[in-house]
């Protein structure tokens, strides 16, 4: 049931009495891996984002100093993936449903006495929702520290192993994700179906882009026929091993920083 998560770090394996008796719960780090079930081209299974979120979390927890109390919840496999819903196999929640699931899960963690909750998300279509949920939970419970984080936004080897074009446009089922899947679930990669397709019909000589500071709204079929955005033909397990290792090392540092984190001083405004 724990998949890539070390069993001693898997929150659902604890009993309620062990949770109740846990010391210094205010600084125990509770991690919610979040992914999606959505199309990833003809060569990758729909579990990609959930698998990557779980594997990175698991490897980081395996490397983490045993003295740092940190536990992973069961991965949330469903996310907001409606940009992919024209492709069969995509299962999507609405933004409202995902928000409520995360809020009610967070409130359950808070009632148990924990005060540090981390979202480790691997699906690029939902960071904004997680950020809004985190702000709302903290506004409601002022001593609740929520960290809405994206698995790829830490230093990692992809910046050295991928081409500049792939780093900019290979955002879905391309070199990075395919390489990591070759590392963690190689038997689930359809190696005879890998392909390269970059986004079509992007505005030329424009400050606007798919992602970044000035994005435009899009759904996947606006940009690609295959569902792939990137070059999966150059993916290798060796690259995947290096990317995964570097991600895990960075997340060890992040989890340690969260354990040491203290809420900034609150100011009481004079009326």
C-alpha atoms as a PDB file:
ATOM      1  CA  UNK A   1       0.000   0.000   0.000  1.00  0.00           C
ATOM      2  CA  UNK A   2       2.909   2.387   0.591  1.00  0.00           C
ATOM      3  CA  UNK A   3       4.275   2.091  -2.969  1.00  0.00           C
ATOM      4  CA  UNK A   4       7.499   4.148  -3.164  1.00  0.00           C
ATOM      5  CA  UNK A   5       7.102   5.567   0.365  1.00  0.00           C
ATOM      6  CA  UNK A   6       9.268   3.975   3.103  1.00  0.00           C
ATOM      7  CA  UNK A   7       6.794   2.071   5.307  1.00  0.00           C
ATOM      8  CA  UNK A   8       8.057   3.725   8.502  1.00  0.00           C
ATOM      9  CA  UNK A   9       7.274   7.114   6.916  1.00  0.00           C
ATOM     10  CA  UNK A  10       3.782   6.177   5.663  1.00  0.00           C
ATOM     11  CA  UNK A  11       1.161   8.006   7.718  1.00  0.00           C
ATOM     12  CA  UNK A  12      -1.700   5.526   7.061  1.00  0.00           C
ATOM     13  CA  UNK A  13       0.317   2.741   8.706  1.00  0.00           C
ATOM     14  CA  UNK A  14       0.189   4.566  12.055  1.00  0.00           C
ATOM     15  CA  UNK A  15      -2.495   3.843  14.636  1.00  0.00           C
ATOM     16  CA  UNK A  16      -4.616   6.582  16.139  1.00  0.00           C
ATOM     17  CA  UNK A  17      -2.941   6.084  19.499  1.00  0.00           C
ATOM     18  CA  UNK A  18       0.521   6.466  17.964  1.00  0.00           C
ATOM     19  CA  UNK A  19      -0.644   9.667  16.310  1.00  0.00           C
ATOM     20  CA  UNK A  20      -2.231  10.897  19.536  1.00  0.00           C
ATOM     21  CA  UNK A  21       0.940  10.255  21.542  1.00  0.00           C
ATOM     22  CA  UNK A  22       3.332  11.745  18.989  1.00  0.00           C
ATOM     23  CA  UNK A  23       5.588  14.410  20.469  1.00  0.00           C
ATOM     24  CA  UNK A  24       6.151  17.903  19.065  1.00  0.00           C
ATOM     25  CA  UNK A  25       3.309  17.504  16.574  1.00  0.00           C
ATOM     26  CA  UNK A  26       3.491  21.206  15.768  1.00  0.00           C
ATOM     27  CA  UNK A  27       6.721  20.573  13.866  1.00  0.00           C
ATOM     28  CA  UNK A  28       6.027  17.139  12.382  1.00  0.00           C
ATOM     29  CA  UNK A  29       5.997  17.490   8.598  1.00  0.00           C
ATOM     30  CA  UNK A  30       2.952  15.929   6.940  1.00  0.00           C
ATOM     31  CA  UNK A  31       3.299  15.507   3.176  1.00  0.00           C
ATOM     32  CA  UNK A  32       0.446  15.116   0.700  1.00  0.00           C
ATOM     33  CA  UNK A  33       1.741  13.880  -2.680  1.00  0.00           C
ATOM     34  CA  UNK A  34      -0.603  15.071  -5.420  1.00  0.00           C
ATOM     35  CA  UNK A  35      -0.778  13.989  -9.028  1.00  0.00           C
ATOM     36  CA  UNK A  36      -3.408  13.257 -11.631  1.00  0.00           C
ATOM     37  CA  UNK A  37      -4.817  10.578 -13.890  1.00  0.00           C
ATOM     38  CA  UNK A  38      -4.516  12.070 -17.362  1.00  0.00           C
ATOM     39  CA  UNK A  39      -3.285  11.273 -20.837  1.00  0.00           C
ATOM     40  CA  UNK A  40       0.454  11.387 -21.434  1.00  0.00           C
ATOM     41  CA  UNK A  41       0.653  10.528 -25.110  1.00  0.00           C
ATOM     42  CA  UNK A  42       0.631   7.059 -26.688  1.00  0.00           C
ATOM     43  CA  UNK A  43       3.758   5.880 -24.865  1.00  0.00           C
ATOM     44  CA  UNK A  44       3.124   6.726 -21.203  1.00  0.00           C
ATOM     45  CA  UNK A  45       0.381   5.558 -18.823  1.00  0.00           C
ATOM     46  CA  UNK A  46      -2.133   7.992 -17.377  1.00  0.00           C
ATOM     47  CA  UNK A  47      -0.571   7.642 -13.898  1.00  0.00           C
ATOM     48  CA  UNK A  48       2.588   9.630 -14.741  1.00  0.00           C
ATOM     49  CA  UNK A  49       2.093  12.669 -12.494  1.00  0.00           C
ATOM     50  CA  UNK A  50       0.898  10.599  -9.539  1.00  0.00           C
ATOM     51  CA  UNK A  51       3.799   8.176  -9.967  1.00  0.00           C
ATOM     52  CA  UNK A  52       6.379  10.965 -10.089  1.00  0.00           C
ATOM     53  CA  UNK A  53       4.936  12.752  -7.044  1.00  0.00           C
ATOM     54  CA  UNK A  54       4.981   9.503  -5.072  1.00  0.00           C
ATOM     55  CA  UNK A  55       8.434   8.374  -6.199  1.00  0.00           C
ATOM     56  CA  UNK A  56      10.104  11.718  -5.506  1.00  0.00           C
ATOM     57  CA  UNK A  57       8.446  11.952  -2.089  1.00  0.00           C
ATOM     58  CA  UNK A  58       9.450   8.385  -1.281  1.00  0.00           C
ATOM     59  CA  UNK A  59      13.077   8.776  -2.308  1.00  0.00           C
ATOM     60  CA  UNK A  60      13.380  12.031  -0.383  1.00  0.00           C
ATOM     61  CA  UNK A  61      11.915  10.473   2.764  1.00  0.00           C
ATOM     62  CA  UNK A  62      14.253   7.503   2.417  1.00  0.00           C
ATOM     63  CA  UNK A  63      17.231   9.881   2.393  1.00  0.00           C
ATOM     64  CA  UNK A  64      15.906  12.192   5.117  1.00  0.00           C
ATOM     65  CA  UNK A  65      17.649  12.340   8.491  1.00  0.00           C
ATOM     66  CA  UNK A  66      15.836   9.861  10.727  1.00  0.00           C
ATOM     67  CA  UNK A  67      15.632  12.477  13.469  1.00  0.00           C
ATOM     68  CA  UNK A  68      13.353  14.684  11.363  1.00  0.00           C
ATOM     69  CA  UNK A  69       9.730  13.568  11.865  1.00  0.00           C
ATOM     70  CA  UNK A  70       8.037  13.513   8.464  1.00  0.00           C
ATOM     71  CA  UNK A  71       5.259  11.316   7.086  1.00  0.00           C
ATOM     72  CA  UNK A  72       3.557  10.964   3.720  1.00  0.00           C
ATOM     73  CA  UNK A  73      -0.166  10.582   3.291  1.00  0.00           C
ATOM     74  CA  UNK A  74      -1.635   8.392   0.570  1.00  0.00           C
ATOM     75  CA  UNK A  75      -1.141  10.019  -2.824  1.00  0.00           C
ATOM     76  CA  UNK A  76      -4.079  12.000  -4.174  1.00  0.00           C
ATOM     77  CA  UNK A  77      -4.280  10.437  -7.625  1.00  0.00           C
ATOM     78  CA  UNK A  78      -7.034  12.610  -9.091  1.00  0.00           C
ATOM     79  CA  UNK A  79      -6.522  16.272  -9.912  1.00  0.00           C
ATOM     80  CA  UNK A  80      -7.857  19.073 -12.066  1.00  0.00           C
ATOM     81  CA  UNK A  81      -6.974  17.829 -15.542  1.00  0.00           C
ATOM     82  CA  UNK A  82      -9.718  19.258 -17.725  1.00  0.00           C
ATOM     83  CA  UNK A  83      -7.168  20.593 -20.233  1.00  0.00           C
ATOM     84  CA  UNK A  84      -6.661  16.935 -21.209  1.00  0.00           C
ATOM     85  CA  UNK A  85     -10.249  15.721 -21.095  1.00  0.00           C
ATOM     86  CA  UNK A  86     -10.609  15.448 -24.883  1.00  0.00           C
ATOM     87  CA  UNK A  87      -8.204  12.485 -24.665  1.00  0.00           C
ATOM     88  CA  UNK A  88      -9.758   9.205 -23.420  1.00  0.00           C
ATOM     89  CA  UNK A  89      -8.540   8.019 -20.019  1.00  0.00           C
ATOM     90  CA  UNK A  90      -8.253  11.430 -18.412  1.00  0.00           C
ATOM     91  CA  UNK A  91     -10.146  11.615 -15.121  1.00  0.00           C
ATOM     92  CA  UNK A  92     -10.615  15.125 -13.818  1.00  0.00           C
ATOM     93  CA  UNK A  93     -12.005  16.868 -10.777  1.00  0.00           C
ATOM     94  CA  UNK A  94     -13.372  20.375 -10.968  1.00  0.00           C
ATOM     95  CA  UNK A  95     -11.385  23.128  -9.322  1.00  0.00           C
ATOM     96  CA  UNK A  96     -14.102  23.402  -6.660  1.00  0.00           C
ATOM     97  CA  UNK A  97     -14.008  19.673  -5.895  1.00  0.00           C
ATOM     98  CA  UNK A  98     -10.223  19.550  -5.677  1.00  0.00           C
ATOM     99  CA  UNK A  99     -10.227  22.612  -3.436  1.00  0.00           C
ATOM    100  CA  UNK A 100     -12.766  21.093  -1.064  1.00  0.00           C
ATOM    101  CA  UNK A 101     -10.928  17.755  -0.915  1.00  0.00           C
ATOM    102  CA  UNK A 102      -7.691  19.520   0.024  1.00  0.00           C
ATOM    103  CA  UNK A 103      -9.367  21.847   2.511  1.00  0.00           C
ATOM    104  CA  UNK A 104     -11.189  19.044   4.311  1.00  0.00           C
ATOM    105  CA  UNK A 105      -8.093  16.857   4.319  1.00  0.00           C
ATOM    106  CA  UNK A 106      -6.089  19.770   5.709  1.00  0.00           C
ATOM    107  CA  UNK A 107      -8.650  20.424   8.424  1.00  0.00           C
ATOM    108  CA  UNK A 108      -8.462  16.760   9.438  1.00  0.00           C
ATOM    109  CA  UNK A 109      -4.682  17.045   9.775  1.00  0.00           C
ATOM    110  CA  UNK A 110      -5.117  20.217  11.821  1.00  0.00           C
ATOM    111  CA  UNK A 111      -7.637  18.577  14.186  1.00  0.00           C
ATOM    112  CA  UNK A 112      -5.102  15.819  14.833  1.00  0.00           C
ATOM    113  CA  UNK A 113      -2.712  18.433  16.197  1.00  0.00           C
ATOM    114  CA  UNK A 114      -0.338  18.870  13.248  1.00  0.00           C
ATOM    115  CA  UNK A 115       0.630  22.340  12.091  1.00  0.00           C
ATOM    116  CA  UNK A 116       2.820  21.751   9.022  1.00  0.00           C
ATOM    117  CA  UNK A 117       1.284  20.398   5.815  1.00  0.00           C
ATOM    118  CA  UNK A 118       3.107  20.145   2.493  1.00  0.00           C
ATOM    119  CA  UNK A 119       1.536  19.655  -0.919  1.00  0.00           C
ATOM    120  CA  UNK A 120       4.081  17.985  -3.239  1.00  0.00           C
ATOM    121  CA  UNK A 121       2.318  18.327  -6.575  1.00  0.00           C
ATOM    122  CA  UNK A 122       3.503  16.934  -9.913  1.00  0.00           C
ATOM    123  CA  UNK A 123       0.684  18.087 -12.216  1.00  0.00           C
ATOM    124  CA  UNK A 124       1.268  21.419 -13.917  1.00  0.00           C
ATOM    125  CA  UNK A 125      -2.418  22.177 -14.333  1.00  0.00           C
ATOM    126  CA  UNK A 126      -3.219  22.851 -10.686  1.00  0.00           C
ATOM    127  CA  UNK A 127      -0.543  24.802  -8.739  1.00  0.00           C
ATOM    128  CA  UNK A 128      -2.784  27.871  -8.565  1.00  0.00           C
ATOM    129  CA  UNK A 129      -5.552  25.891  -6.866  1.00  0.00           C
ATOM    130  CA  UNK A 130      -3.131  24.546  -4.269  1.00  0.00           C
ATOM    131  CA  UNK A 131      -1.837  28.044  -3.592  1.00  0.00           C
ATOM    132  CA  UNK A 132      -5.356  29.383  -3.011  1.00  0.00           C
ATOM    133  CA  UNK A 133      -6.242  26.447  -0.744  1.00  0.00           C
ATOM    134  CA  UNK A 134      -3.063  27.006   1.266  1.00  0.00           C
ATOM    135  CA  UNK A 135      -3.854  30.690   1.732  1.00  0.00           C
ATOM    136  CA  UNK A 136      -7.465  29.961   2.750  1.00  0.00           C
ATOM    137  CA  UNK A 137      -6.436  27.309   5.282  1.00  0.00           C
ATOM    138  CA  UNK A 138      -3.812  29.562   6.822  1.00  0.00           C
ATOM    139  CA  UNK A 139      -6.235  32.482   6.960  1.00  0.00           C
ATOM    140  CA  UNK A 140      -8.754  30.300   8.815  1.00  0.00           C
ATOM    141  CA  UNK A 141      -6.207  28.647  11.126  1.00  0.00           C
ATOM    142  CA  UNK A 142      -3.471  31.187  11.771  1.00  0.00           C
ATOM    143  CA  UNK A 143      -1.031  28.683  13.280  1.00  0.00           C
ATOM    144  CA  UNK A 144      -1.430  26.241  10.376  1.00  0.00           C
ATOM    145  CA  UNK A 145       1.564  26.400   8.013  1.00  0.00           C
ATOM    146  CA  UNK A 146       0.775  25.158   4.494  1.00  0.00           C
ATOM    147  CA  UNK A 147       3.353  24.772   1.733  1.00  0.00           C
ATOM    148  CA  UNK A 148       1.881  24.474  -1.818  1.00  0.00           C
ATOM    149  CA  UNK A 149       4.912  23.199  -3.724  1.00  0.00           C
ATOM    150  CA  UNK A 150       5.583  21.850  -7.237  1.00  0.00           C
ATOM    151  CA  UNK A 151       7.848  18.830  -7.539  1.00  0.00           C
ATOM    152  CA  UNK A 152       9.878  20.210 -10.478  1.00  0.00           C
ATOM    153  CA  UNK A 153      10.576  23.666  -8.984  1.00  0.00           C
ATOM    154  CA  UNK A 154      13.611  22.566  -7.002  1.00  0.00           C
ATOM    155  CA  UNK A 155      17.147  22.400  -8.425  1.00  0.00           C
ATOM    156  CA  UNK A 156      17.495  19.247 -10.505  1.00  0.00           C
ATOM    157  CA  UNK A 157      19.566  17.699 -13.270  1.00  0.00           C
ATOM    158  CA  UNK A 158      16.995  18.326 -16.017  1.00  0.00           C
ATOM    159  CA  UNK A 159      18.471  21.770 -16.574  1.00  0.00           C
ATOM    160  CA  UNK A 160      21.774  20.123 -17.527  1.00  0.00           C
ATOM    161  CA  UNK A 161      20.456  17.068 -19.383  1.00  0.00           C
ATOM    162  CA  UNK A 162      17.717  18.593 -21.561  1.00  0.00           C
ATOM    163  CA  UNK A 163      18.082  20.879 -24.565  1.00  0.00           C
ATOM    164  CA  UNK A 164      17.007  24.532 -24.281  1.00  0.00           C
ATOM    165  CA  UNK A 165      14.089  23.819 -26.624  1.00  0.00           C
ATOM    166  CA  UNK A 166      12.959  20.903 -24.478  1.00  0.00           C
ATOM    167  CA  UNK A 167      13.255  22.918 -21.284  1.00  0.00           C
ATOM    168  CA  UNK A 168      10.968  25.569 -22.761  1.00  0.00           C
ATOM    169  CA  UNK A 169       8.443  23.486 -24.694  1.00  0.00           C
ATOM    170  CA  UNK A 170       8.774  19.904 -23.405  1.00  0.00           C
ATOM    171  CA  UNK A 171       6.194  20.331 -20.670  1.00  0.00           C
ATOM    172  CA  UNK A 172       4.172  17.147 -21.061  1.00  0.00           C
ATOM    173  CA  UNK A 173       5.262  13.542 -21.774  1.00  0.00           C
ATOM    174  CA  UNK A 174       8.531  14.726 -23.247  1.00  0.00           C
ATOM    175  CA  UNK A 175      12.138  13.934 -22.396  1.00  0.00           C
ATOM    176  CA  UNK A 176      12.030  14.639 -18.643  1.00  0.00           C
ATOM    177  CA  UNK A 177       8.829  12.799 -17.733  1.00  0.00           C
ATOM    178  CA  UNK A 178       9.577   9.869 -20.041  1.00  0.00           C
ATOM    179  CA  UNK A 179      13.105   9.519 -18.666  1.00  0.00           C
ATOM    180  CA  UNK A 180      11.851   9.548 -15.076  1.00  0.00           C
ATOM    181  CA  UNK A 181       9.203   6.946 -15.919  1.00  0.00           C
ATOM    182  CA  UNK A 182      11.921   4.775 -17.477  1.00  0.00           C
ATOM    183  CA  UNK A 183      13.641   5.012 -14.105  1.00  0.00           C
ATOM    184  CA  UNK A 184      10.690   4.266 -11.812  1.00  0.00           C
ATOM    185  CA  UNK A 185       8.243   2.227 -13.921  1.00  0.00           C
ATOM    186  CA  UNK A 186      10.155   1.084 -17.026  1.00  0.00           C
ATOM    187  CA  UNK A 187       7.773  -1.772 -17.764  1.00  0.00           C
ATOM    188  CA  UNK A 188       4.930   0.735 -18.174  1.00  0.00           C
ATOM    189  CA  UNK A 189       6.644   2.785 -20.895  1.00  0.00           C
ATOM    190  CA  UNK A 190       5.605   1.760 -24.423  1.00  0.00           C
ATOM    191  CA  UNK A 191       9.040   2.172 -25.949  1.00  0.00           C
ATOM    192  CA  UNK A 192       7.819   1.401 -29.467  1.00  0.00           C
ATOM    193  CA  UNK A 193       5.395   4.361 -29.360  1.00  0.00           C
ATOM    194  CA  UNK A 194       7.618   7.225 -28.251  1.00  0.00           C
ATOM    195  CA  UNK A 195       7.460  10.323 -30.443  1.00  0.00           C
ATOM    196  CA  UNK A 196       8.381  13.965 -30.679  1.00  0.00           C
ATOM    197  CA  UNK A 197       5.793  16.709 -31.030  1.00  0.00           C
ATOM    198  CA  UNK A 198       6.246  20.314 -30.041  1.00  0.00           C
ATOM    199  CA  UNK A 199       3.357  22.780 -29.635  1.00  0.00           C
ATOM    200  CA  UNK A 200       1.837  24.007 -32.873  1.00  0.00           C
ATOM    201  CA  UNK A 201       0.600  27.461 -33.846  1.00  0.00           C
ATOM    202  CA  UNK A 202       2.126  29.423 -30.991  1.00  0.00           C
ATOM    203  CA  UNK A 203       2.084  33.214 -31.456  1.00  0.00           C
ATOM    204  CA  UNK A 204       5.288  34.444 -33.079  1.00  0.00           C
ATOM    205  CA  UNK A 205       7.313  37.414 -31.873  1.00  0.00           C
ATOM    206  CA  UNK A 206       4.970  37.771 -28.912  1.00  0.00           C
ATOM    207  CA  UNK A 207       5.453  38.332 -25.210  1.00  0.00           C
ATOM    208  CA  UNK A 208       2.657  35.807 -24.639  1.00  0.00           C
ATOM    209  CA  UNK A 209       3.416  32.136 -24.033  1.00  0.00           C
ATOM    210  CA  UNK A 210       1.869  28.819 -22.901  1.00  0.00           C
ATOM    211  CA  UNK A 211       3.293  29.271 -19.437  1.00  0.00           C
ATOM    212  CA  UNK A 212       5.332  31.927 -17.691  1.00  0.00           C
ATOM    213  CA  UNK A 213       4.632  35.519 -16.764  1.00  0.00           C
ATOM    214  CA  UNK A 214       2.151  36.281 -19.576  1.00  0.00           C
ATOM    215  CA  UNK A 215       0.285  33.056 -20.385  1.00  0.00           C
ATOM    216  CA  UNK A 216      -2.795  32.484 -22.489  1.00  0.00           C
ATOM    217  CA  UNK A 217      -5.473  29.893 -21.727  1.00  0.00           C
ATOM    218  CA  UNK A 218      -5.220  26.662 -23.678  1.00  0.00           C
ATOM    219  CA  UNK A 219      -6.342  23.063 -23.712  1.00  0.00           C
ATOM    220  CA  UNK A 220      -4.032  20.307 -24.868  1.00  0.00           C
ATOM    221  CA  UNK A 221      -5.654  19.623 -28.221  1.00  0.00           C
ATOM    222  CA  UNK A 222      -5.049  23.266 -29.183  1.00  0.00           C
ATOM    223  CA  UNK A 223      -1.333  22.498 -29.241  1.00  0.00           C
ATOM    224  CA  UNK A 224      -0.798  18.809 -30.007  1.00  0.00           C
ATOM    225  CA  UNK A 225      -2.481  15.954 -31.834  1.00  0.00           C
ATOM    226  CA  UNK A 226      -0.704  13.155 -29.968  1.00  0.00           C
ATOM    227  CA  UNK A 227      -1.001  14.606 -26.465  1.00  0.00           C
ATOM    228  CA  UNK A 228       2.795  14.953 -26.286  1.00  0.00           C
ATOM    229  CA  UNK A 229       4.527  18.284 -25.821  1.00  0.00           C
ATOM    230  CA  UNK A 230       8.216  17.517 -26.108  1.00  0.00           C
ATOM    231  CA  UNK A 231      10.677  14.972 -27.459  1.00  0.00           C
ATOM    232  CA  UNK A 232      10.244  11.564 -25.856  1.00  0.00           C
ATOM    233  CA  UNK A 233      12.476   9.866 -28.452  1.00  0.00           C
ATOM    234  CA  UNK A 234      15.647  10.980 -26.677  1.00  0.00           C
ATOM    235  CA  UNK A 235      14.559   9.881 -23.204  1.00  0.00           C
ATOM    236  CA  UNK A 236      16.727   7.344 -21.374  1.00  0.00           C
ATOM    237  CA  UNK A 237      16.656   5.540 -18.063  1.00  0.00           C
ATOM    238  CA  UNK A 238      20.100   6.928 -17.268  1.00  0.00           C
ATOM    239  CA  UNK A 239      18.796  10.483 -17.543  1.00  0.00           C
ATOM    240  CA  UNK A 240      15.766   9.514 -15.499  1.00  0.00           C
ATOM    241  CA  UNK A 241      17.952   8.092 -12.732  1.00  0.00           C
ATOM    242  CA  UNK A 242      19.966  11.317 -12.561  1.00  0.00           C
ATOM    243  CA  UNK A 243      16.900  13.566 -12.603  1.00  0.00           C
ATOM    244  CA  UNK A 244      15.132  11.518  -9.939  1.00  0.00           C
ATOM    245  CA  UNK A 245      18.213  11.437  -7.703  1.00  0.00           C
ATOM    246  CA  UNK A 246      18.671  15.199  -7.987  1.00  0.00           C
ATOM    247  CA  UNK A 247      14.999  15.876  -7.291  1.00  0.00           C
ATOM    248  CA  UNK A 248      15.131  13.678  -4.198  1.00  0.00           C
ATOM    249  CA  UNK A 249      18.257  15.381  -2.895  1.00  0.00           C
ATOM    250  CA  UNK A 250      16.670  18.809  -3.286  1.00  0.00           C
ATOM    251  CA  UNK A 251      13.481  17.678  -1.567  1.00  0.00           C
ATOM    252  CA  UNK A 252      15.494  16.373   1.397  1.00  0.00           C
ATOM    253  CA  UNK A 253      16.717  19.945   1.818  1.00  0.00           C
ATOM    254  CA  UNK A 254      13.199  21.379   1.397  1.00  0.00           C
ATOM    255  CA  UNK A 255      11.666  19.018   3.966  1.00  0.00           C
ATOM    256  CA  UNK A 256      14.444  19.879   6.387  1.00  0.00           C
ATOM    257  CA  UNK A 257      13.789  23.580   5.838  1.00  0.00           C
ATOM    258  CA  UNK A 258      10.079  23.062   6.500  1.00  0.00           C
ATOM    259  CA  UNK A 259      10.844  21.190   9.729  1.00  0.00           C
ATOM    260  CA  UNK A 260      12.920  24.162  10.911  1.00  0.00           C
ATOM    261  CA  UNK A 261      10.452  26.763   9.607  1.00  0.00           C
ATOM    262  CA  UNK A 262       8.726  29.033  12.080  1.00  0.00           C
ATOM    263  CA  UNK A 263       5.742  31.178  11.172  1.00  0.00           C
ATOM    264  CA  UNK A 264       6.750  34.845  10.679  1.00  0.00           C
ATOM    265  CA  UNK A 265       5.799  37.161  13.519  1.00  0.00           C
ATOM    266  CA  UNK A 266       2.168  38.226  13.396  1.00  0.00           C
ATOM    267  CA  UNK A 267       1.424  41.895  13.918  1.00  0.00           C
ATOM    268  CA  UNK A 268      -1.721  43.003  15.697  1.00  0.00           C
ATOM    269  CA  UNK A 269      -3.135  46.034  13.954  1.00  0.00           C
ATOM    270  CA  UNK A 270      -4.300  48.880  16.128  1.00  0.00           C
ATOM    271  CA  UNK A 271      -7.896  49.877  15.659  1.00  0.00           C
END
